[in-house]
C-alpha atoms as a PDB file:
ATOM      1  CA  MET A   1      -0.243   0.041  -0.166  1.00  0.00           C
ATOM      2  CA  ALA A   2       1.938   3.065   1.462  1.00  0.00           C
ATOM      3  CA  GLY A   3       5.292   1.481   1.184  1.00  0.00           C
ATOM      4  CA  ALA A   4       7.571   2.503  -1.637  1.00  0.00           C
ATOM      5  CA  ALA A   5       5.660   4.689  -3.109  1.00  0.00           C
ATOM      6  CA  LEU A   6       5.594   6.717  -0.511  1.00  0.00           C
ATOM      7  CA  LEU A   7       9.179   6.916  -0.221  1.00  0.00           C
ATOM      8  CA  ILE A   8      10.623   7.099  -3.929  1.00  0.00           C
ATOM      9  CA  VAL A   9       9.830  10.906  -4.618  1.00  0.00           C
ATOM     10  CA  ALA A  10      11.456  13.481  -5.802  1.00  0.00           C
ATOM     11  CA  VAL A  11      12.051  17.145  -6.721  1.00  0.00           C
ATOM     12  CA  ALA A  12       9.923  18.180  -9.771  1.00  0.00           C
ATOM     13  CA  THR A  13       7.011  20.129 -11.052  1.00  0.00           C
ATOM     14  CA  LEU A  14       4.088  18.919 -12.657  1.00  0.00           C
ATOM     15  CA  PRO A  15       4.401  19.368 -16.203  1.00  0.00           C
ATOM     16  CA  ASP A  16       1.039  20.346 -18.343  1.00  0.00           C
ATOM     17  CA  SER A  17      -0.532  17.794 -19.215  1.00  0.00           C
ATOM     18  CA  ASN A  18      -0.597  18.696 -22.903  1.00  0.00           C
ATOM     19  CA  ALA A  19       3.744  19.390 -22.243  1.00  0.00           C
ATOM     20  CA  PRO A  20       6.570  16.726 -22.302  1.00  0.00           C
ATOM     21  CA  ALA A  21       7.190  15.188 -19.692  1.00  0.00           C
ATOM     22  CA  ALA A  22      10.237  16.442 -17.001  1.00  0.00           C
ATOM     23  CA  ARG A  23      12.657  14.830 -15.525  1.00  0.00           C
ATOM     24  CA  ALA A  24      14.422  15.215 -12.094  1.00  0.00           C
ATOM     25  CA  ASP A  25      17.937  13.854 -11.213  1.00  0.00           C
ATOM     26  CA  PRO A  26      17.951  14.762  -7.183  1.00  0.00           C
ATOM     27  CA  ALA A  27      21.725  12.785  -7.123  1.00  0.00           C
ATOM     28  CA  SER A  28      22.776  15.755  -8.776  1.00  0.00           C
ATOM     29  CA  SER A  29      21.317  18.241  -5.956  1.00  0.00           C
ATOM     30  CA  ALA A  30      23.104  19.068  -2.511  1.00  0.00           C
ATOM     31  CA  PRO A  31      19.981  17.627  -0.077  1.00  0.00           C
ATOM     32  CA  GLN A  32      17.825  20.783   1.500  1.00  0.00           C
ATOM     33  CA  THR A  33      16.490  21.536   4.680  1.00  0.00           C
ATOM     34  CA  PRO A  34      12.585  20.636   4.690  1.00  0.00           C
ATOM     35  CA  ARG A  35       9.829  23.312   5.141  1.00  0.00           C
ATOM     36  CA  ALA A  36       6.134  23.320   5.785  1.00  0.00           C
ATOM     37  CA  ALA A  37       4.375  22.718   2.787  1.00  0.00           C
ATOM     38  CA  PRO A  38       2.574  25.833   1.813  1.00  0.00           C
ATOM     39  CA  VAL A  39      -1.495  25.817   2.157  1.00  0.00           C
ATOM     40  CA  SER A  40      -1.707  27.030  -1.847  1.00  0.00           C
ATOM     41  CA  GLN A  41      -0.086  24.279  -3.418  1.00  0.00           C
ATOM     42  CA  THR A  42      -0.641  21.275  -6.134  1.00  0.00           C
ATOM     43  CA  PRO A  43      -0.621  17.732  -5.295  1.00  0.00           C
ATOM     44  CA  ALA A  44       2.680  18.088  -7.525  1.00  0.00           C
ATOM     45  CA  GLU A  45       4.239  20.622  -5.493  1.00  0.00           C
ATOM     46  CA  ALA A  46       3.316  18.493  -2.442  1.00  0.00           C
ATOM     47  CA  VAL A  47       5.300  15.506  -4.054  1.00  0.00           C
ATOM     48  CA  ALA A  48       8.317  18.306  -4.826  1.00  0.00           C
ATOM     49  CA  ALA A  49       8.121  19.063  -1.309  1.00  0.00           C
ATOM     50  CA  ALA A  50       7.845  15.172   0.260  1.00  0.00           C
ATOM     51  CA  ALA A  51      10.986  14.920  -2.569  1.00  0.00           C
ATOM     52  CA  VAL A  52      13.402  16.974  -0.791  1.00  0.00           C
ATOM     53  CA  THR A  53      12.720  15.807   2.513  1.00  0.00           C
ATOM     54  CA  PHE A  54      13.102  12.320   0.809  1.00  0.00           C
ATOM     55  CA  GLU A  55      16.240  13.768  -0.490  1.00  0.00           C
ATOM     56  CA  SER A  56      17.473  15.510   3.244  1.00  0.00           C
ATOM     57  CA  ALA A  57      16.543  12.078   4.854  1.00  0.00           C
ATOM     58  CA  ILE A  58      18.505   9.787   2.323  1.00  0.00           C
ATOM     59  CA  ALA A  59      21.692  11.463   3.081  1.00  0.00           C
ATOM     60  CA  ALA A  60      20.947  11.567   6.939  1.00  0.00           C
ATOM     61  CA  ALA A  61      20.441   7.826   6.529  1.00  0.00           C
ATOM     62  CA  ARG A  62      23.892   7.209   4.737  1.00  0.00           C
ATOM     63  CA  MET A  63      25.723   9.160   7.739  1.00  0.00           C
ATOM     64  CA  ALA A  64      24.096   6.519   9.979  1.00  0.00           C
ATOM     65  CA  ALA A  65      25.774   4.074  11.755  1.00  0.00           C
ATOM     66  CA  GLU A  66      25.037   1.023   9.854  1.00  0.00           C
ATOM     67  CA  PRO A  67      24.614  -2.071  12.782  1.00  0.00           C
ATOM     68  CA  ASP A  68      21.984   1.455  14.341  1.00  0.00           C
ATOM     69  CA  PRO A  69      18.350   0.480  12.902  1.00  0.00           C
ATOM     70  CA  ALA A  70      17.024   3.229  15.246  1.00  0.00           C
ATOM     71  CA  ALA A  71      19.259   6.245  13.466  1.00  0.00           C
ATOM     72  CA  LEU A  72      17.822   5.104  10.120  1.00  0.00           C
ATOM     73  CA  ARG A  73      14.445   5.423  11.517  1.00  0.00           C
ATOM     74  CA  GLN A  74      14.682   8.584  13.292  1.00  0.00           C
ATOM     75  CA  ALA A  75      16.671   9.919   9.937  1.00  0.00           C
ATOM     76  CA  LEU A  76      13.197   9.224   7.845  1.00  0.00           C
ATOM     77  CA  LYS A  77      10.928  10.688  10.411  1.00  0.00           C
ATOM     78  CA  PRO A  78      10.659  14.247   8.745  1.00  0.00           C
ATOM     79  CA  LEU A  79       9.133  12.454   6.093  1.00  0.00           C
ATOM     80  CA  LEU A  80       6.016  11.825   7.941  1.00  0.00           C
ATOM     81  CA  GLU A  81       4.901  14.948   7.516  1.00  0.00           C
ATOM     82  CA  HIS A  82       4.150  14.457   4.312  1.00  0.00           C
ATOM     83  CA  LEU A  83       1.895  11.368   4.493  1.00  0.00           C
ATOM     84  CA  ASP A  84      -1.874  11.235   5.374  1.00  0.00           C
ATOM     85  CA  LEU A  85      -1.563   8.075   8.002  1.00  0.00           C
ATOM     86  CA  GLN A  86      -4.666   9.240   9.006  1.00  0.00           C
ATOM     87  CA  ARG A  87      -6.293   8.400   5.226  1.00  0.00           C
ATOM     88  CA  ALA A  88      -4.026   5.335   4.907  1.00  0.00           C
ATOM     89  CA  THR A  89      -4.662   3.698   8.512  1.00  0.00           C
ATOM     90  CA  ARG A  90      -8.398   4.111   7.665  1.00  0.00           C
ATOM     91  CA  LEU A  91      -7.485   2.212   4.126  1.00  0.00           C
ATOM     92  CA  LEU A  92      -5.843   0.044   6.172  1.00  0.00           C
ATOM     93  CA  LEU A  93      -8.579  -0.806   8.499  1.00  0.00           C
ATOM     94  CA  GLY A  94     -11.193  -1.136   5.782  1.00  0.00           C
ATOM     95  CA  ARG A  95     -14.761  -1.896   7.393  1.00  0.00           C
ATOM     96  CA  HIS A  96     -13.313  -2.248  10.895  1.00  0.00           C
ATOM     97  CA  TRP A  97     -12.660   1.949  11.056  1.00  0.00           C
ATOM     98  CA  HIS A  98     -15.962   2.730  12.377  1.00  0.00           C
ATOM     99  CA  THR A  99     -16.025   0.340  15.228  1.00  0.00           C
ATOM    100  CA  ALA A 100     -12.503   0.818  16.243  1.00  0.00           C
ATOM    101  CA  ARG A 101     -11.664   3.072  19.022  1.00  0.00           C
ATOM    102  CA  GLU A 102      -9.493   5.636  18.744  1.00  0.00           C
ATOM    103  CA  SER A 103      -6.379   4.508  20.678  1.00  0.00           C
ATOM    104  CA  GLU A 104      -6.899   0.828  18.554  1.00  0.00           C
ATOM    105  CA  ARG A 105      -7.022   3.390  15.283  1.00  0.00           C
ATOM    106  CA  ARG A 106      -4.245   5.455  16.973  1.00  0.00           C
ATOM    107  CA  ALA A 107      -2.170   1.726  17.752  1.00  0.00           C
ATOM    108  CA  VAL A 108      -2.893   0.953  14.395  1.00  0.00           C
ATOM    109  CA  GLN A 109      -1.210   3.683  12.676  1.00  0.00           C
ATOM    110  CA  ASP A 110       1.916   3.457  15.205  1.00  0.00           C
ATOM    111  CA  ALA A 111       2.414   0.228  13.656  1.00  0.00           C
ATOM    112  CA  LEU A 112       1.830   1.136  10.266  1.00  0.00           C
ATOM    113  CA  VAL A 113       4.559   3.881  10.610  1.00  0.00           C
ATOM    114  CA  LYS A 114       6.950   1.340  12.586  1.00  0.00           C
ATOM    115  CA  PHE A 115       6.303  -1.006   9.925  1.00  0.00           C
ATOM    116  CA  LEU A 116       7.212   1.464   6.963  1.00  0.00           C
ATOM    117  CA  LEU A 117      10.257   2.677   8.830  1.00  0.00           C
ATOM    118  CA  ILE A 118      11.939  -0.833   9.618  1.00  0.00           C
ATOM    119  CA  ARG A 119      10.775  -2.235   6.058  1.00  0.00           C
ATOM    120  CA  HIS A 120      11.959   0.231   4.011  1.00  0.00           C
ATOM    121  CA  ALA A 121      14.845   2.136   6.155  1.00  0.00           C
ATOM    122  CA  PRO A 122      17.774   0.146   5.363  1.00  0.00           C
ATOM    123  CA  ALA A 123      17.488  -0.214   1.787  1.00  0.00           C
ATOM    124  CA  LEU A 124      17.559   3.718   1.412  1.00  0.00           C
ATOM    125  CA  ARG A 125      21.211   3.707   2.440  1.00  0.00           C
ATOM    126  CA  ASP A 126      21.817   1.527  -0.920  1.00  0.00           C
ATOM    127  CA  LEU A 127      19.347   4.097  -2.849  1.00  0.00           C
ATOM    128  CA  GLN A 128      22.225   6.069  -5.644  1.00  0.00           C
ATOM    129  CA  ASP A 129      21.683   7.897  -9.142  1.00  0.00           C
ATOM    130  CA  TRP A 130      17.872   7.590  -8.823  1.00  0.00           C
ATOM    131  CA  GLN A 131      15.586   9.811 -10.845  1.00  0.00           C
ATOM    132  CA  LEU A 132      11.873  10.563 -11.264  1.00  0.00           C
ATOM    133  CA  THR A 133       9.826  11.764 -13.929  1.00  0.00           C
ATOM    134  CA  LEU A 134       6.359  13.211 -13.290  1.00  0.00           C
ATOM    135  CA  LEU A 135       3.869  11.846 -15.654  1.00  0.00           C
ATOM    136  CA  PRO A 136       1.482  14.195 -17.476  1.00  0.00           C
ATOM    137  CA  GLY A 137      -1.806  13.694 -14.991  1.00  0.00           C
ATOM    138  CA  ARG A 138      -5.158  15.452 -14.483  1.00  0.00           C
ATOM    139  CA  PRO A 139      -6.179  17.925 -12.075  1.00  0.00           C
ATOM    140  CA  PRO A 140      -7.479  16.976  -8.692  1.00  0.00           C
ATOM    141  CA  THR A 141     -10.866  15.859  -7.743  1.00  0.00           C
ATOM    142  CA  GLY A 142     -11.987  17.672  -4.705  1.00  0.00           C
ATOM    143  CA  ASP A 143      -9.778  16.245  -1.714  1.00  0.00           C
ATOM    144  CA  LEU A 144      -8.127  13.278  -4.242  1.00  0.00           C
ATOM    145  CA  ALA A 145      -5.594  13.957  -6.639  1.00  0.00           C
ATOM    146  CA  ARG A 146      -3.298  11.311  -8.411  1.00  0.00           C
ATOM    147  CA  VAL A 147       0.185  12.227  -9.347  1.00  0.00           C
ATOM    148  CA  PRO A 148       1.817   9.728 -12.096  1.00  0.00           C
ATOM    149  CA  VAL A 149       5.750   9.187 -11.971  1.00  0.00           C
ATOM    150  CA  ALA A 150       7.986   7.017 -13.182  1.00  0.00           C
ATOM    151  CA  VAL A 151      11.492   5.981 -11.553  1.00  0.00           C
ATOM    152  CA  GLY A 152      14.266   4.804 -11.968  1.00  0.00           C
ATOM    153  CA  ALA A 153      17.841   3.869  -9.906  1.00  0.00           C
ATOM    154  CA  ARG A 154      21.029   2.933 -11.061  1.00  0.00           C
ATOM    155  CA  GLY A 155      20.816  -0.913 -11.854  1.00  0.00           C
ATOM    156  CA  LEU A 156      16.955  -0.625 -11.785  1.00  0.00           C
ATOM    157  CA  PRO A 157      14.477  -0.563 -14.431  1.00  0.00           C
ATOM    158  CA  GLU A 158      12.330   2.670 -14.657  1.00  0.00           C
ATOM    159  CA  VAL A 159       8.860   1.788 -12.609  1.00  0.00           C
ATOM    160  CA  ARG A 160       5.365   3.751 -13.153  1.00  0.00           C
ATOM    161  CA  ILE A 161       3.639   4.527  -9.772  1.00  0.00           C
ATOM    162  CA  ASP A 162       0.410   6.360  -9.682  1.00  0.00           C
ATOM    163  CA  LEU A 163       1.004   9.179  -6.228  1.00  0.00           C
ATOM    164  CA  HIS A 164      -2.590   9.112  -4.155  1.00  0.00           C
ATOM    165  CA  LEU A 165      -3.038  12.031  -1.935  1.00  0.00           C
ATOM    166  CA  SER A 166      -5.559  13.681   0.133  1.00  0.00           C
ATOM    167  CA  ARG A 167      -6.179  17.222   1.041  1.00  0.00           C
ATOM    168  CA  ARG A 168      -6.321  17.017   4.397  1.00  0.00           C
ATOM    169  CA  ASP A 169      -6.228  20.736   6.741  1.00  0.00           C
ATOM    170  CA  GLY A 170      -5.359  22.763   3.426  1.00  0.00           C
ATOM    171  CA  ARG A 171      -2.147  20.535   2.501  1.00  0.00           C
ATOM    172  CA  TRP A 172      -1.900  17.557  -0.129  1.00  0.00           C
ATOM    173  CA  ARG A 173      -0.555  14.634   1.599  1.00  0.00           C
ATOM    174  CA  LEU A 174       0.068  10.918   0.484  1.00  0.00           C
ATOM    175  CA  TYR A 175      -1.364   8.229   1.214  1.00  0.00           C
ATOM    176  CA  ASP A 176      -0.959   5.868  -0.820  1.00  0.00           C
END
């Protein structure tokens, strides 16, 4: 569900639906300090903001001591601000969302975060020369959007991914 697609995003802007796809090579830019996303951002701008944070997290993960998984997880925590964990948890629980108590929902959400960090943090240390191409997409429908991208890395084939976002509290966040 939210796994690798939430962790594989890069700095770029969404091209006009009639324009050719834009390419960005995050490996060529220095890590930047993540900033809070503006309320008026588009879904593609939200992906770009997450990419800045992602690039910083990769740099921090590479500096973390290899045998210390806690340090790797700590390096990736800033990515969480770009995720709609409530929506992802709601989708994960499905029909059980309505009967679950708030404490149970929170426990599942915390378990999801722990799973994502444990599952993906070690692999990010080795991610090199990756790039993302934002593909032409459709405008958002209400508070939901889809940003199609193609992601590639050295030694790996390019993969097409549809990043799904929801707008909550005035911000676009990735949920799947």
